[in-house]
Amino acid sequence: QVQLEESGGGLVQAGGSLRLSCTASDYIYSSYTQGWFRQVPGKEREFVAAIRWSGGMVDYADSVKGRFTVSRDNGERTMFLQMNNLEPEDTAVYYCAGGLNYDTWTSRRDSSKYDDWGQGTQVTVSS
């Protein structure tokens, strides 16, 4: 199992930007799919974005499309989430996740398809 560690959360004003990072403890296979999810108290974990290491295919939730960008650095075993034009509704704990199974990518918006999870990082956007 791969250990994942997020960093980069914080407090920002609406319209501002943050960049989250997720670093893996071990080698990442090309078939690995990684995703970003977020959660606010009392609500289910919500899909934000996903990237497949082989080929770099990406996917975004409609609520963040055009504002967030997911990318990865193979050499550093790190996935990034660049968040621009942040809104108060983006306030949440953000989690990175990873999975090696074939259906992790095909069901990338389903959090149950991921095996590896980070501890989460808080993002707070003030109005």
Foldseek 3Di string as FASTA:
>chain_A
DKAKAKDWADEEAAQAKIKMKIAIPDQDDQQKKKFKWWDDPPDDIFGAKMFRNNPTDMDGDPVQPPFWDWDADNVRRMIMIIGGRDDQVPWTWMKMFMDRDPCCVVPVRDPVRTDYIYPTDTHGYHD
